[in-house]
Protein backbone atom coordinates (compact mmCIF):
# COMPACT_ATOMS: atom_id res chain seq x y z
CA MET A 1 0.05 0.20 0.09
CA ASP A 2 3.03 2.02 0.11
CA ARG A 3 3.62 4.54 -3.02
CA LEU A 4 6.35 6.46 -1.66
CA SER A 5 8.26 5.85 -4.66
CA VAL A 6 5.74 7.49 -7.22
CA CYS A 7 8.03 9.89 -9.48
CA PRO A 8 5.81 13.12 -10.36
CA ALA A 9 6.24 14.94 -13.93
CA SER A 10 9.73 16.84 -14.01
CA PRO A 11 11.04 19.30 -16.03
CA ARG A 12 13.45 17.61 -18.82
CA ASP A 13 13.09 19.67 -22.05
CA PRO A 14 14.92 22.22 -22.87
CA ILE A 15 14.30 25.52 -22.40
CA THR A 16 14.32 27.47 -25.83
CA ALA A 17 13.54 31.10 -24.79
CA PRO A 18 12.70 33.35 -21.26
CA SER A 19 9.14 33.59 -19.61
CA SER A 20 7.71 36.19 -18.04
CA HIS A 21 5.48 34.43 -15.92
CA ARG A 22 5.22 31.70 -12.99
CA THR A 23 3.70 28.07 -14.27
CA PRO A 24 -0.02 27.80 -13.46
CA LEU A 25 -1.22 25.70 -10.55
CA GLY A 26 -1.14 21.89 -11.80
CA THR A 27 0.39 22.51 -15.52
CA PRO A 28 2.51 19.34 -15.52
CA LEU A 29 6.42 20.64 -15.24
CA GLU A 30 7.17 19.09 -18.74
CA SER A 31 5.10 22.26 -19.99
CA PHE A 32 7.40 24.11 -17.27
CA ALA A 33 10.44 23.54 -18.54
CA LEU A 34 8.99 24.44 -21.88
CA GLU A 35 7.37 27.53 -21.16
CA GLY A 36 9.61 29.88 -23.27
CA ILE A 37 8.63 28.59 -26.59
CA GLY A 38 4.61 29.91 -25.39
CA SER A 39 6.13 33.00 -24.24
CA VAL A 40 7.67 33.93 -27.82
CA PRO A 41 8.39 38.00 -27.94
CA ASP A 42 5.91 40.11 -29.61
CA ALA A 43 6.88 40.85 -33.53
CA ASN A 44 6.38 44.48 -32.27
CA GLU A 45 8.97 44.24 -29.73
CA CYS A 46 12.02 42.63 -31.67
CA LYS A 47 14.53 45.13 -33.37
CA ALA A 48 13.30 45.81 -36.82
CA ASP A 49 17.06 44.56 -37.87
CA GLU A 50 15.97 40.82 -36.57
CA PRO A 51 13.37 39.93 -38.66
CA SER A 52 14.28 36.06 -39.05
CA LEU A 53 14.48 35.70 -35.40
CA SER A 54 11.54 36.80 -34.46
CA ASP A 55 10.19 34.68 -37.35
CA ALA A 56 12.07 31.52 -36.39
CA LEU A 57 10.38 31.89 -32.64
CA GLU A 58 6.83 32.11 -34.06
CA ALA A 59 7.81 29.46 -36.02
CA LEU A 60 9.50 27.25 -32.70
CA GLY A 61 6.24 28.49 -30.80
CA ARG A 62 4.07 26.60 -33.83
CA ASP A 63 6.25 23.66 -32.92
CA GLU A 64 7.71 23.96 -37.17
CA GLN A 65 11.01 22.91 -36.09
CA ALA A 66 12.20 22.67 -39.38
CA GLU A 67 10.97 25.96 -40.20
CA ALA A 68 12.40 27.51 -37.44
CA ALA A 69 15.92 25.92 -37.47
CA ARG A 70 16.31 27.02 -41.19
CA ARG A 71 15.68 30.69 -40.10
CA LEU A 72 17.76 30.39 -37.13
CA ALA A 73 20.54 29.25 -39.22
CA GLY A 74 19.84 32.30 -41.57
CA THR A 75 19.90 34.74 -38.05
CA LEU A 76 23.10 33.43 -37.14
CA GLN A 77 24.68 33.71 -40.66
CA THR A 78 24.97 37.41 -39.94
CA GLU A 79 24.58 37.27 -35.90
CA PRO A 80 26.87 34.24 -35.01
CA GLY A 81 27.00 35.24 -31.30
CA ASN A 82 23.14 35.69 -30.90
CA ALA A 83 22.50 34.03 -27.61
CA GLU A 84 19.01 33.62 -28.06
CA ALA A 85 19.26 31.94 -31.25
CA LEU A 86 21.75 29.67 -30.42
CA LEU A 87 19.48 28.62 -27.63
CA ALA A 88 16.65 27.92 -29.74
CA LEU A 89 19.18 26.00 -32.52
CA GLY A 90 19.88 23.74 -29.27
CA ALA A 91 16.94 23.22 -28.28
CA ILE A 92 15.80 22.15 -31.67
CA GLN A 93 18.92 19.87 -31.79
CA HIS A 94 18.18 18.59 -28.36
CA THR A 95 14.87 17.49 -29.17
CA ARG A 96 16.05 15.89 -32.20
CA GLY A 97 18.35 13.86 -30.01
CA ASP A 98 21.31 15.50 -31.89
CA SER A 99 23.03 15.95 -28.60
CA ILE A 100 26.56 16.69 -29.49
CA ALA A 101 25.15 19.53 -31.96
CA ALA A 102 22.86 20.59 -28.86
CA THR A 103 26.04 20.81 -26.38
CA GLU A 104 27.84 22.99 -29.04
CA SER A 105 25.41 25.60 -29.50
CA TYR A 106 24.65 25.80 -25.82
CA ARG A 107 28.23 26.11 -25.38
CA ARG A 108 28.02 29.08 -27.74
CA ALA A 109 25.13 30.65 -26.25
CA ALA A 110 26.71 30.66 -22.96
CA VAL A 111 30.13 32.17 -24.05
CA ALA A 112 27.38 35.12 -26.06
CA ASP A 113 25.24 35.40 -22.41
CA PRO A 114 27.65 34.50 -19.30
CA ALA A 115 24.58 35.88 -17.23
CA SER A 116 22.34 33.32 -19.18
CA TRP A 117 20.95 30.24 -16.94
CA ARG A 118 19.15 28.41 -19.25
CA PRO A 119 22.08 27.24 -21.81
CA LEU A 120 23.75 26.01 -18.43
CA TYR A 121 20.22 24.29 -17.36
CA ASN A 122 19.85 22.40 -20.64
CA GLN A 123 23.27 21.59 -20.91
CA ALA A 124 22.73 19.66 -17.58
CA LEU A 125 19.74 18.35 -19.13
CA LEU A 126 21.76 16.20 -21.60
CA ARG A 127 24.18 15.17 -19.32
CA GLU A 128 22.04 13.96 -16.88
CA ALA A 129 20.64 12.05 -19.97
CA ALA A 130 24.21 10.03 -20.80
CA GLY A 131 24.90 9.53 -16.96
CA ALA A 132 26.90 12.20 -16.32
CA SER A 133 25.01 13.67 -12.91
CA SER A 134 27.66 14.94 -11.25
CA GLU A 135 28.37 16.94 -14.12
CA ALA A 136 24.80 17.80 -14.35
CA ILE A 137 25.31 18.93 -10.96
CA ALA A 138 27.85 21.32 -11.61
CA LEU A 139 26.04 22.99 -14.29
CA LEU A 140 22.97 23.43 -12.37
CA TYR A 141 24.29 24.75 -9.51
CA HIS A 142 25.64 27.56 -11.54
CA ALA A 143 22.69 27.95 -13.05
CA ILE A 144 21.25 28.52 -10.02
CA ALA A 145 23.76 31.02 -8.95
CA LEU A 146 22.49 33.11 -11.84
CA ALA A 147 19.34 33.04 -11.32
CA PRO A 148 18.37 32.07 -7.79
CA LEU A 149 14.50 32.84 -7.83
CA GLU A 150 14.18 30.62 -11.05
CA ALA A 151 12.22 27.29 -9.80
CA ALA A 152 12.92 24.79 -12.58
CA PRO A 153 17.17 24.48 -12.26
CA GLN A 154 16.23 24.07 -8.14
CA PHE A 155 13.77 21.31 -9.14
CA ARG A 156 16.02 19.35 -11.40
CA LEU A 157 18.68 20.08 -9.47
CA ALA A 158 16.55 18.44 -6.47
CA LEU A 159 15.18 15.40 -8.22
CA ILE A 160 18.31 14.34 -9.46
CA LEU A 161 20.33 14.73 -5.70
CA GLU A 162 17.35 12.29 -4.64
CA SER A 163 17.31 9.90 -7.11
CA GLY A 164 20.69 9.38 -6.23
CA GLY A 165 20.28 8.79 -3.02
CA GLN A 166 21.23 12.28 -1.34
CA GLU A 167 17.85 12.86 0.76
CA THR A 168 19.00 15.36 2.81
CA GLU A 169 20.67 18.52 -0.09
CA ALA A 170 17.62 16.64 -1.91
CA ARG A 171 15.04 18.38 0.68
CA VAL A 172 16.96 21.33 1.38
CA TRP A 173 16.35 21.82 -2.95
CA TRP A 174 12.96 21.06 -2.96
CA LYS A 175 11.74 23.47 0.29
CA ARG A 176 13.96 26.07 -2.12
CA THR A 177 11.99 24.94 -5.23
CA VAL A 178 8.45 25.61 -3.50
CA SER A 179 9.92 28.70 -1.99
CA SER A 180 10.49 30.12 -5.59
CA ASP A 181 7.83 29.01 -7.29
CA PRO A 182 4.57 27.54 -4.40
CA SER A 183 2.67 26.60 -7.76
CA LEU A 184 4.56 23.62 -8.76
CA THR A 185 2.89 20.66 -7.33
CA ALA A 186 5.46 18.26 -8.07
CA ALA A 187 7.86 19.43 -6.35
CA TRP A 188 5.61 19.54 -2.74
CA LEU A 189 4.64 15.82 -3.75
CA ARG A 190 8.34 15.38 -3.64
CA LEU A 191 9.14 16.85 -0.26
CA GLY A 192 6.13 15.56 1.44
CA LEU A 193 7.21 11.84 0.31
CA LEU A 194 10.82 12.89 1.48
CA GLU A 195 9.27 13.89 5.21
CA LEU A 196 7.00 11.19 5.30
CA ARG A 197 9.64 8.70 4.90
CA GLY A 198 11.78 10.59 7.11
CA GLY A 199 8.65 10.11 9.84
CA ARG A 200 8.32 14.18 10.11
CA LEU A 201 4.36 13.92 9.97
CA PRO A 202 3.14 17.34 10.20
CA ASP A 203 5.67 18.57 8.03
CA ALA A 204 4.61 15.88 5.75
CA ALA A 205 1.00 16.50 5.98
CA ILE A 206 1.38 20.87 5.16
CA ALA A 207 3.73 19.46 2.17
CA LEU A 208 1.03 17.06 0.94
CA GLU A 209 -1.94 19.30 1.25
CA ASN A 210 -0.48 22.03 -0.76
CA ALA A 211 0.71 19.26 -3.98
CA LEU A 212 -3.45 18.38 -3.42
CA GLY A 213 -4.06 21.68 -6.19
CA GLY A 214 -1.62 19.14 -9.04
CA ASP A 215 -4.13 17.47 -11.64
CA GLN A 216 -1.07 15.03 -11.92
CA GLU A 217 -0.61 15.10 -8.36
CA ALA A 218 -3.94 14.97 -6.54
CA ALA A 219 -4.43 11.13 -6.04
CA ASP A 220 -0.90 10.47 -4.81
CA ALA A 221 -0.49 13.59 -2.46
CA ALA A 222 -4.12 12.61 -1.06
CA TYR A 223 -3.09 9.06 -0.20
CA HIS A 224 0.11 9.66 0.91
CA LEU A 225 -1.31 13.02 2.95
CA ALA A 226 -4.19 9.81 4.34
CA LEU A 227 -0.79 8.24 5.98
CA ALA A 228 0.62 11.39 7.72
CA HIS A 229 -2.71 11.18 9.15
CA ILE A 230 -2.89 7.65 10.51
CA GLY A 231 0.77 7.87 11.65
CA MET A 232 -0.37 11.15 13.54
CA GLY A 233 -3.80 9.46 15.05
CA ALA A 234 -5.74 11.55 13.02
CA SER A 235 -8.01 8.82 11.57
CA GLN A 236 -11.05 11.46 10.60
CA GLU A 237 -8.80 13.31 8.46
CA ALA A 238 -7.25 9.91 7.22
CA PHE A 239 -10.92 9.08 6.02
CA LYS A 240 -11.30 12.85 3.81
CA ALA A 241 -7.82 12.67 2.72
CA LEU A 242 -8.53 8.58 1.11
CA ALA A 243 -12.02 9.82 -0.08
CA GLU A 244 -10.30 12.52 -1.86
CA ALA A 245 -7.75 10.05 -2.96
CA LEU A 246 -10.38 8.22 -4.48
CA HIS A 247 -12.20 11.30 -5.99
CA HIS A 248 -9.25 11.63 -8.47
CA ASP A 249 -8.67 7.78 -9.26
CA PRO A 250 -11.47 5.95 -8.42
CA ASN A 251 -9.62 2.68 -8.80
CA ALA A 252 -6.45 3.34 -6.58
CA ALA A 253 -6.58 0.01 -5.57
CA ASP A 254 -3.83 0.99 -2.12
CA ALA A 255 -6.29 3.80 -1.47
CA HIS A 256 -9.55 1.22 -1.08
CA ALA A 257 -7.34 -1.04 1.25
CA ALA A 258 -5.89 2.00 3.47
CA LEU A 259 -9.72 2.33 3.93
CA VAL A 260 -10.24 -1.24 4.84
CA GLY A 261 -7.75 -1.26 7.52
CA LEU A 262 -8.95 2.16 8.81
CA ALA A 263 -12.61 1.29 8.56
CA LEU A 264 -11.82 -2.03 10.61
CA ASP A 265 -9.42 0.08 13.29
CA SER A 266 -12.65 2.34 13.70
CA ASP A 267 -14.80 -1.02 14.16
CA ASP A 268 -17.05 0.19 11.23
CA LEU A 269 -17.40 -3.41 9.25
CA ASP A 270 -19.98 -2.05 6.95
CA ARG A 271 -17.84 0.36 5.51
CA ALA A 272 -15.00 -2.49 5.52
CA GLU A 273 -16.88 -4.35 3.81
CA ARG A 274 -17.85 -2.23 1.12
CA HIS A 275 -14.09 -0.88 0.52
CA GLU A 276 -13.03 -4.71 0.15
CA HIS A 277 -15.41 -5.38 -2.17
CA ALA A 278 -14.22 -2.14 -4.75
CA LEU A 279 -10.95 -3.94 -3.74
CA ARG A 280 -11.16 -7.45 -4.72
CA ALA A 281 -12.78 -5.60 -7.94
CA LEU A 282 -9.02 -4.63 -8.56
CA GLU A 283 -6.96 -6.91 -7.01
CA PRO A 284 -6.90 -9.66 -4.79
CA THR A 285 -7.00 -8.63 -0.80
CA PRO A 286 -4.01 -9.11 1.10
CA ALA A 287 -3.64 -11.87 3.51
CA VAL A 288 -3.65 -9.60 6.22
CA LEU A 289 -6.74 -7.52 5.60
CA SER A 290 -8.89 -10.58 4.76
CA LEU A 291 -7.81 -12.28 7.74
CA ARG A 292 -8.61 -9.17 9.77
CA LEU A 293 -12.02 -9.15 8.05
CA ALA A 294 -12.77 -12.62 9.29
CA GLN A 295 -11.39 -12.18 13.01
CA ALA A 296 -13.96 -9.18 12.97
CA TRP A 297 -16.78 -11.14 11.52
CA ALA A 298 -16.34 -13.97 13.77
CA LEU A 299 -16.44 -11.86 17.06
CA ARG A 300 -19.92 -10.31 15.66
CA GLY A 301 -20.69 -13.67 15.19
CA GLU A 302 -21.18 -13.46 11.37
CA LEU A 303 -19.91 -17.30 11.01
CA GLU A 304 -20.32 -16.76 6.72
CA LEU A 305 -18.60 -13.79 6.18
CA ALA A 306 -15.99 -14.81 8.53
CA GLN A 307 -15.41 -17.91 6.71
CA GLU A 308 -15.94 -16.68 3.49
CA HIS A 309 -12.76 -14.18 4.20
CA TYR A 310 -10.79 -16.59 5.96
CA LYS A 311 -11.21 -18.60 2.65
CA ARG A 312 -9.28 -16.16 0.63
CA ALA A 313 -6.77 -15.38 3.08
CA VAL A 314 -5.83 -18.87 2.84
CA GLN A 315 -5.29 -18.71 -0.68
CA SER A 316 -3.17 -15.72 -0.06
CA ASP A 317 -1.27 -17.09 2.51
CA SER A 318 -1.90 -21.13 3.39
CA SER A 319 0.21 -20.34 6.68
CA LEU A 320 -3.44 -19.20 8.02
CA ALA A 321 -5.09 -22.52 7.20
CA VAL A 322 -4.88 -23.07 11.08
CA GLY A 323 -7.50 -20.14 11.84
CA TYR A 324 -9.67 -21.25 9.13
CA PHE A 325 -9.89 -24.65 10.38
CA ALA A 326 -10.56 -23.92 13.68
CA LEU A 327 -13.61 -21.64 12.93
CA THR A 328 -15.14 -24.30 10.67
CA LEU A 329 -14.83 -26.56 13.04
């Protein structure tokens, strides 16, 4: 029933241009990483001598990569050091899988505009994809130093650190990420999972509540929020959180299983039975829950129901047969 290994969407696509807006609540982080594409400068704001760059960025915004690449090549013929054109060209090469060409374009973009964090961030994505995590981390630290309030490099750094087992460091960067952009529900979820795994239940609950607003994170956030409430002995809050989890994912077997256990703890056998039926429609009921249901119904004198649950328990775990036969004698 423990989904602590859940990995939400993460920024992994190259950034192509600046953006002046924060990611709206619930927007997947793939879109966050690509938000610059949707923020092409207005044609009237572009310099009169840069029509090719303006047209290239507009084509890129329409996902017309071939046309964008052609126009960017024209811009770079006349302006070899145009950092924005180099970044955009690198992003096209990046998405096409040409990491060597993309790396060179990003390197040139970084030289042309040493104050920009975006070429460094995109280089970090390439190094991470190549398995060079330490190099990616160094590039991300550099990007963060240039733009300490940008959430994207902080998010990516936290994700790499966590995946590498550096959870203490990752926790610091998840906190910095949500401080930079509180709308990043995927970051709140990751932070909540780390707090939950570390036994910091009140902190976990706060983080997971903040993750509930994300469309992709809501079901996982609600389920783990329930685990935090269960750990704190707050059964009613746990019931509410599990109901929220099922609202977002009615077929979440682990949420149904958790509700069975919680209902048994509350001596609400009818509710436990309902969720056990729902669980069994999705996957076999864990033996420990079948055994608990059998014992609870036996205490109520409902021997037929108790026998059914004992039978299921034995089918899952033959070592429980002693209890089953004791009941049927």
